[in-house]
Amino acid sequence: MKNIVLLVCFTLNFISCTNNDIDRGIPINEKYELKYPSYFPSLTFDTIRYPLSKNGIELGRKLFYDGRLSRNNTISCGFCHIQENAFTHHGHNVSHGIDDRLGIRNAPAIQNLAFLNRFMWDGVIHDLAQQSISPISNEDEMDSSIEEIVSKLKNDTNYRTLFKSVFGDENINGERILNALGQFMAAMISSNSRYDAFLKKEGNLTDEEKYGMNLFQQKCSSCHNGALFTDETFRNTGQYYDAQYKDGGRFRVTLDSVDFMKFRVPSLRNIELTKPYMHDGRFYSLEAVLNFYDQNVENQKNLDPILKQNGRIGIPMTENEKKAIITFLKTLTDQKFITNPAFAEFN
């Protein structure tokens, strides 16, 4: 029987399967292929540098929900990224980290990251497999370090077995930890909303939803376009500067005044579930967001030109139009994604 098993085993990430490994209960690794609709953009996640495997994703999932990634073992990635809320920190305008410290930004949704080019509200991270180092090292989030995490995990028998199953030996190091977390986040694809069923001709939208979709395309799709509902640009949308958080957005990365208060255009998939909204969670409803764009956009020096057209600041919308747009936005909710056990915390 062992010989039969070995015939289907293949080498991945320098893994070599042996009879001894099988005897020790080390699971055979299998390649993992991301599945997504043909209308999605091309993958940006580097699967050559970071080959995807079932065991790699499982290892990443275990790490994602492990509080030992924080200084005092209380804050995991999953603490601020809750599955039922499309992996956001529901109910908190900005994320609450270690020792109940407040960050300065709303925790962004984790979904379809394998197709994006930049991460974080200011785009400071370009490699998904390196993204986790930011919250791990941030003193208001997890306040730890890769070295500290390695010291905690290196003598954990279960982790040593998992690392061997993915990388070929039991060595636990920072590069492998980040690699596994990147694999898990890359696998978190949301593509089964009612809107997706409509695009696949497997379902339909109501007349109200179609009306909202048409309005959305007219009034919102300049920024929120494509299958992911984001063009990944950084824009000043006329939000007032909050002196409490002192967050200038993209300016924090470039130090160019042109980028002051510019933030990355977020995806709107699962938007019904991810309140509060904006980089600092200032709005607690979609109605409030649309009211802002209709009535309260500030005419700032570097306000995005899209919000200054036809002699008017903002995006004009009637109350009925707002209602219809929100009705459409709710078709982007993916119930399978938020209940998928493959992304849930280990029992």
Protein backbone atom coordinates (compact mmCIF):
# COMPACT_ATOMS: atom_id res chain seq x y z
CA MET A 1 0.00 0.00 0.00
CA LYS A 2 2.84 2.38 0.83
CA ASN A 3 4.32 1.84 -2.61
CA ILE A 4 1.01 2.79 -4.21
CA VAL A 5 0.89 5.98 -2.16
CA LEU A 6 4.41 6.85 -3.16
CA LEU A 7 3.52 6.53 -6.83
CA VAL A 8 1.05 9.40 -6.55
CA CYS A 9 3.37 11.52 -4.44
CA PHE A 10 5.30 14.22 -6.25
CA THR A 11 8.01 16.63 -5.28
CA LEU A 12 6.93 20.19 -4.47
CA ASN A 13 8.94 22.85 -2.69
CA PHE A 14 11.80 20.34 -2.43
CA ILE A 15 9.62 17.79 -0.63
CA SER A 16 10.66 14.18 -0.96
CA CYS A 17 8.17 11.63 0.33
CA THR A 18 9.57 8.53 1.98
CA ASN A 19 8.18 5.48 3.75
CA ASN A 20 9.54 6.91 7.01
CA ASP A 21 7.58 10.14 6.52
CA ILE A 22 4.36 8.18 5.97
CA ASP A 23 5.06 6.09 9.05
CA ARG A 24 5.52 9.32 11.07
CA GLY A 25 2.15 10.67 9.92
CA ILE A 26 3.56 13.47 7.76
CA PRO A 27 0.89 14.19 5.11
CA ILE A 28 1.79 13.99 1.46
CA ASN A 29 1.78 17.40 -0.14
CA GLU A 30 -0.34 18.09 -3.21
CA LYS A 31 -0.28 20.99 -5.61
CA TYR A 32 -3.14 23.46 -5.18
CA GLU A 33 -4.70 25.20 -8.16
CA LEU A 34 -6.61 28.44 -7.67
CA LYS A 35 -10.06 28.38 -9.22
CA TYR A 36 -11.68 31.60 -10.34
CA PRO A 37 -13.96 32.87 -13.15
CA SER A 38 -12.62 33.68 -16.60
CA TYR A 39 -13.67 37.32 -16.17
CA PHE A 40 -11.33 37.80 -13.21
CA PRO A 41 -8.02 39.63 -13.85
CA SER A 42 -4.74 37.77 -14.19
CA LEU A 43 -3.04 36.45 -11.10
CA THR A 44 -0.43 38.72 -9.58
CA PHE A 45 0.56 36.30 -6.81
CA ASP A 46 3.91 34.78 -7.78
CA THR A 47 3.18 31.05 -7.83
CA ILE A 48 6.67 30.35 -9.17
CA ARG A 49 8.35 31.93 -6.17
CA TYR A 50 5.62 30.71 -3.82
CA PRO A 51 4.23 27.42 -5.20
CA LEU A 52 0.75 26.76 -3.87
CA SER A 53 0.13 23.46 -2.14
CA LYS A 54 -2.66 22.03 0.00
CA ASN A 55 -0.36 21.59 2.97
CA GLY A 56 1.08 25.08 2.49
CA ILE A 57 -2.39 26.62 2.62
CA GLU A 58 -3.32 24.53 5.67
CA LEU A 59 -0.14 25.65 7.40
CA GLY A 60 -0.99 29.25 6.53
CA ARG A 61 -4.48 28.80 7.94
CA LYS A 62 -3.10 27.48 11.22
CA LEU A 63 -0.70 30.42 11.46
CA PHE A 64 -3.43 32.90 10.53
CA TYR A 65 -5.46 31.93 13.61
CA ASP A 66 -2.54 31.50 16.02
CA GLY A 67 -2.29 34.16 18.73
CA ARG A 68 1.38 33.35 19.17
CA LEU A 69 2.09 35.61 16.23
CA SER A 70 1.59 38.50 18.69
CA ARG A 71 3.84 39.52 21.56
CA ASN A 72 1.53 38.32 24.35
CA ASN A 73 -0.10 35.43 22.43
CA THR A 74 -3.54 37.07 22.32
CA ILE A 75 -3.87 38.61 18.85
CA SER A 76 -4.01 36.47 15.72
CA CYS A 77 -4.53 37.64 12.15
CA GLY A 78 -8.06 36.29 12.48
CA PHE A 79 -8.73 38.60 15.44
CA CYS A 80 -9.00 41.62 13.12
CA HIS A 81 -10.09 39.67 10.04
CA ILE A 82 -13.31 37.84 10.87
CA GLN A 83 -14.64 35.42 8.27
CA GLU A 84 -18.35 36.19 8.62
CA ASN A 85 -17.55 39.83 7.88
CA ALA A 86 -15.46 39.06 4.79
CA PHE A 87 -12.39 39.05 7.03
CA THR A 88 -12.77 42.58 8.40
CA HIS A 89 -12.95 43.80 12.01
CA HIS A 90 -16.70 44.28 12.28
CA GLY A 91 -17.94 46.99 14.60
CA HIS A 92 -14.59 48.73 15.02
CA ASN A 93 -13.86 51.89 13.08
CA VAL A 94 -10.13 51.19 13.43
CA SER A 95 -8.55 47.90 14.41
CA HIS A 96 -8.00 47.07 18.09
CA GLY A 97 -4.70 45.31 18.62
CA ILE A 98 -2.54 44.07 21.45
CA ASP A 99 -3.35 45.38 24.96
CA ASP A 100 -6.48 46.86 23.35
CA ARG A 101 -4.36 49.48 21.59
CA LEU A 102 -6.01 51.42 18.78
CA GLY A 103 -4.54 51.45 15.32
CA ILE A 104 -5.17 54.27 12.87
CA ARG A 105 -6.96 52.36 10.10
CA ASN A 106 -9.97 50.20 9.45
CA ALA A 107 -8.96 46.57 8.84
CA PRO A 108 -9.36 45.94 5.08
CA ALA A 109 -11.16 42.88 3.75
CA ILE A 110 -9.07 39.83 2.87
CA GLN A 111 -10.44 38.54 -0.42
CA ASN A 112 -9.11 38.10 -3.95
CA LEU A 113 -5.69 39.40 -2.91
CA ALA A 114 -3.98 37.07 -5.37
CA PHE A 115 -5.08 39.44 -8.15
CA LEU A 116 -3.94 42.74 -6.64
CA ASN A 117 -0.69 44.63 -7.16
CA ARG A 118 -0.57 46.61 -3.90
CA PHE A 119 -1.78 46.08 -0.37
CA MET A 120 -2.73 48.17 2.65
CA TRP A 121 -4.65 51.44 2.38
CA ASP A 122 -1.50 53.25 1.27
CA GLY A 123 -0.10 50.56 -1.04
CA VAL A 124 3.17 50.27 0.85
CA ILE A 125 3.31 46.47 0.37
CA HIS A 126 3.74 44.97 -3.10
CA ASP A 127 4.18 41.29 -2.27
CA LEU A 128 1.32 39.38 -0.65
CA ALA A 129 3.74 36.86 0.87
CA GLN A 130 5.48 39.73 2.68
CA GLN A 131 2.35 41.59 3.73
CA SER A 132 1.98 39.91 7.12
CA ILE A 133 5.22 41.40 8.42
CA SER A 134 3.48 44.79 8.72
CA PRO A 135 0.78 43.86 11.27
CA ILE A 136 3.14 41.46 13.06
CA SER A 137 5.69 44.18 13.74
CA ASN A 138 3.28 47.11 14.27
CA GLU A 139 3.29 48.06 17.96
CA ASP A 140 -0.44 48.81 17.93
CA GLU A 141 -1.41 45.57 16.22
CA MET A 142 0.62 42.45 17.12
CA ASP A 143 3.79 44.11 18.45
CA SER A 144 5.99 41.11 17.75
CA SER A 145 8.78 40.08 15.38
CA ILE A 146 9.55 37.17 13.13
CA GLU A 147 12.40 36.16 15.42
CA GLU A 148 10.07 36.05 18.41
CA ILE A 149 7.50 33.97 16.51
CA VAL A 150 10.13 31.48 15.37
CA SER A 151 11.32 31.06 18.96
CA LYS A 152 7.76 30.22 20.04
CA LEU A 153 7.03 27.74 17.27
CA LYS A 154 10.32 25.96 16.69
CA ASN A 155 9.75 23.35 19.40
CA ASP A 156 6.08 22.75 18.56
CA THR A 157 5.87 19.17 17.28
CA ASN A 158 2.72 19.78 15.22
CA TYR A 159 4.23 22.79 13.50
CA ARG A 160 7.48 20.94 12.81
CA THR A 161 5.50 18.19 11.10
CA LEU A 162 3.52 20.70 9.05
CA PHE A 163 6.63 22.62 7.99
CA LYS A 164 8.27 19.38 6.88
CA SER A 165 5.19 18.47 4.86
CA VAL A 166 5.41 21.78 3.01
CA PHE A 167 9.09 22.59 2.76
CA GLY A 168 10.82 19.20 3.05
CA ASP A 169 12.36 19.60 6.49
CA GLU A 170 11.33 20.73 9.96
CA ASN A 171 13.19 24.03 9.93
CA ILE A 172 10.88 26.87 10.97
CA ASN A 173 12.02 30.29 9.83
CA GLY A 174 10.57 33.67 8.96
CA GLU A 175 10.61 33.22 5.21
CA ARG A 176 8.59 30.03 5.47
CA ILE A 177 6.11 31.53 7.93
CA LEU A 178 5.41 34.45 5.58
CA ASN A 179 5.28 32.10 2.58
CA ALA A 180 2.58 29.96 4.21
CA LEU A 181 0.52 32.97 5.29
CA GLY A 182 0.75 34.30 1.74
CA GLN A 183 -0.44 30.98 0.32
CA PHE A 184 -3.48 30.98 2.61
CA MET A 185 -4.45 34.55 1.74
CA ALA A 186 -3.95 33.88 -1.97
CA ALA A 187 -6.41 30.99 -1.73
CA MET A 188 -9.15 33.22 -0.27
CA ILE A 189 -11.09 33.85 -3.47
CA SER A 190 -14.61 35.25 -3.41
CA SER A 191 -16.46 34.67 -6.68
CA ASN A 192 -19.83 33.14 -5.84
CA SER A 193 -22.13 36.09 -5.26
CA ARG A 194 -25.49 36.53 -6.93
CA TYR A 195 -23.78 39.01 -9.24
CA ASP A 196 -21.34 36.29 -10.27
CA ALA A 197 -24.23 33.91 -10.95
CA PHE A 198 -25.71 36.65 -13.17
CA LEU A 199 -22.44 37.03 -15.08
CA LYS A 200 -22.16 33.26 -15.48
CA LYS A 201 -25.79 33.11 -16.71
CA GLU A 202 -26.57 30.82 -13.79
CA GLY A 203 -28.99 33.28 -12.16
CA ASN A 204 -30.67 36.61 -12.68
CA LEU A 205 -31.05 39.96 -10.95
CA THR A 206 -34.28 41.72 -10.13
CA ASP A 207 -35.34 44.80 -12.06
CA GLU A 208 -34.36 46.97 -9.07
CA GLU A 209 -30.92 45.33 -8.90
CA LYS A 210 -30.38 45.83 -12.62
CA TYR A 211 -31.42 49.46 -12.31
CA GLY A 212 -28.95 49.85 -9.45
CA MET A 213 -26.25 48.16 -11.51
CA ASN A 214 -26.77 50.61 -14.36
CA LEU A 215 -26.64 53.55 -11.96
CA PHE A 216 -23.51 52.13 -10.36
CA GLN A 217 -21.84 51.89 -13.75
CA GLN A 218 -22.71 55.53 -14.44
CA LYS A 219 -21.76 57.00 -11.08
CA CYS A 220 -19.26 54.70 -9.35
CA SER A 221 -17.42 52.53 -11.86
CA SER A 222 -14.80 55.14 -12.75
CA CYS A 223 -12.96 53.91 -9.66
CA HIS A 224 -14.74 50.69 -8.69
CA ASN A 225 -14.47 48.82 -11.96
CA GLY A 226 -13.64 45.37 -13.26
CA ALA A 227 -14.45 42.02 -11.70
CA LEU A 228 -12.92 43.06 -8.37
CA PHE A 229 -14.67 46.47 -8.30
CA THR A 230 -11.43 48.40 -7.85
CA ASP A 231 -8.96 49.99 -10.22
CA GLU A 232 -6.30 49.90 -7.45
CA THR A 233 -5.56 53.60 -7.80
CA PHE A 234 -4.97 56.04 -4.94
CA ARG A 235 -7.41 58.91 -4.79
CA ASN A 236 -8.32 61.87 -2.61
CA THR A 237 -12.09 61.62 -2.27
CA GLY A 238 -12.62 64.75 -0.21
CA GLN A 239 -12.67 63.23 3.26
CA TYR A 240 -11.66 65.55 6.07
CA TYR A 241 -8.32 64.93 7.75
CA ASP A 242 -8.86 63.34 11.16
CA ALA A 243 -6.42 64.84 13.66
CA GLN A 244 -7.00 61.89 16.00
CA TYR A 245 -5.31 59.41 13.65
CA LYS A 246 -3.06 61.81 11.72
CA ASP A 247 -3.25 59.60 8.65
CA GLY A 248 -2.31 61.27 5.36
CA GLY A 249 -2.77 58.08 3.34
CA ARG A 250 -0.40 57.56 0.42
CA PHE A 251 1.56 60.60 1.62
CA ARG A 252 2.95 58.43 4.45
CA VAL A 253 4.69 56.32 1.79
CA THR A 254 5.79 58.89 -0.81
CA LEU A 255 6.13 62.06 1.34
CA ASP A 256 4.81 63.89 -1.73
CA SER A 257 2.17 66.50 -0.88
CA VAL A 258 0.31 65.54 -4.05
CA ASP A 259 -0.53 62.24 -2.35
CA PHE A 260 -1.92 63.75 0.84
CA MET A 261 -5.19 62.02 1.84
CA LYS A 262 -5.04 59.65 -1.09
CA PHE A 263 -6.11 56.11 -0.24
CA ARG A 264 -6.31 52.94 -2.30
CA VAL A 265 -9.68 52.36 -3.93
CA PRO A 266 -11.04 49.29 -2.09
CA SER A 267 -12.86 46.38 -3.66
CA LEU A 268 -16.61 46.48 -3.15
CA ARG A 269 -17.12 42.74 -3.11
CA ASN A 270 -18.93 41.69 0.08
CA ILE A 271 -19.33 45.38 0.88
CA GLU A 272 -22.63 44.69 2.67
CA LEU A 273 -20.64 42.80 5.33
CA THR A 274 -17.61 45.02 5.84
CA LYS A 275 -18.90 48.09 7.68
CA PRO A 276 -17.75 50.48 8.96
CA TYR A 277 -16.42 52.06 5.78
CA MET A 278 -13.50 54.20 4.59
CA HIS A 279 -9.89 53.99 5.76
CA ASP A 280 -10.81 55.01 9.30
CA GLY A 281 -14.27 53.47 9.52
CA ARG A 282 -15.97 56.85 9.74
CA PHE A 283 -19.22 55.69 8.11
CA TYR A 284 -21.33 52.90 9.57
CA SER A 285 -23.74 52.38 6.69
CA LEU A 286 -23.77 52.34 2.91
CA GLU A 287 -26.40 55.06 3.05
CA ALA A 288 -23.93 57.29 4.91
CA VAL A 289 -21.25 56.60 2.29
CA LEU A 290 -23.51 57.60 -0.59
CA ASN A 291 -24.76 60.64 1.30
CA PHE A 292 -21.14 61.71 1.72
CA TYR A 293 -20.40 61.43 -1.99
CA ASP A 294 -23.61 63.26 -2.83
CA GLN A 295 -23.45 66.11 -0.31
CA ASN A 296 -20.33 66.26 1.86
CA VAL A 297 -17.22 65.91 -0.31
CA GLU A 298 -14.69 68.60 0.65
CA ASN A 299 -13.19 70.61 -2.20
CA GLN A 300 -9.60 69.94 -1.23
CA LYS A 301 -6.56 71.07 -3.20
CA ASN A 302 -5.85 67.62 -4.64
CA LEU A 303 -9.42 66.33 -4.75
CA ASP A 304 -9.81 63.72 -7.45
CA PRO A 305 -11.02 65.33 -10.70
CA ILE A 306 -13.78 62.74 -10.99
CA LEU A 307 -15.43 64.44 -8.02
CA LYS A 308 -15.26 67.89 -9.64
CA GLN A 309 -17.37 67.73 -12.78
CA ASN A 310 -20.02 69.92 -14.36
CA GLY A 311 -19.42 72.67 -11.83
CA ARG A 312 -20.37 70.46 -8.90
CA ILE A 313 -18.41 68.82 -6.09
CA GLY A 314 -19.29 65.19 -5.44
CA ILE A 315 -21.60 62.73 -7.21
CA PRO A 316 -25.23 63.83 -7.54
CA MET A 317 -27.71 61.12 -6.57
CA THR A 318 -31.38 61.13 -5.67
CA GLU A 319 -32.59 59.15 -2.67
CA ASN A 320 -34.17 56.56 -4.98
CA GLU A 321 -30.93 56.23 -6.91
CA LYS A 322 -28.98 55.66 -3.69
CA LYS A 323 -31.44 52.99 -2.63
CA ALA A 324 -31.13 51.23 -5.99
CA ILE A 325 -27.33 51.34 -5.94
CA ILE A 326 -27.27 49.81 -2.46
CA THR A 327 -29.68 47.12 -3.61
CA PHE A 328 -27.20 46.25 -6.36
CA LEU A 329 -24.21 46.34 -4.02
CA LYS A 330 -25.86 43.67 -1.89
CA THR A 331 -25.73 41.28 -4.86
CA LEU A 332 -21.93 41.27 -4.37
CA THR A 333 -22.27 39.34 -1.10
CA ASP A 334 -20.75 35.85 -1.31
CA GLN A 335 -22.34 33.58 1.28
CA LYS A 336 -20.18 30.61 0.29
CA PHE A 337 -17.03 32.61 0.94
CA ILE A 338 -17.98 33.69 4.44
CA THR A 339 -19.02 30.15 5.43
CA ASN A 340 -16.31 28.16 3.65
CA PRO A 341 -14.77 25.80 6.25
CA ALA A 342 -11.46 25.88 4.33
CA PHE A 343 -10.99 29.45 5.55
CA ALA A 344 -12.34 28.96 9.07
CA GLU A 345 -10.42 28.66 12.29
CA PHE A 346 -9.16 25.21 13.25
CA ASN A 347 -11.21 23.39 15.86
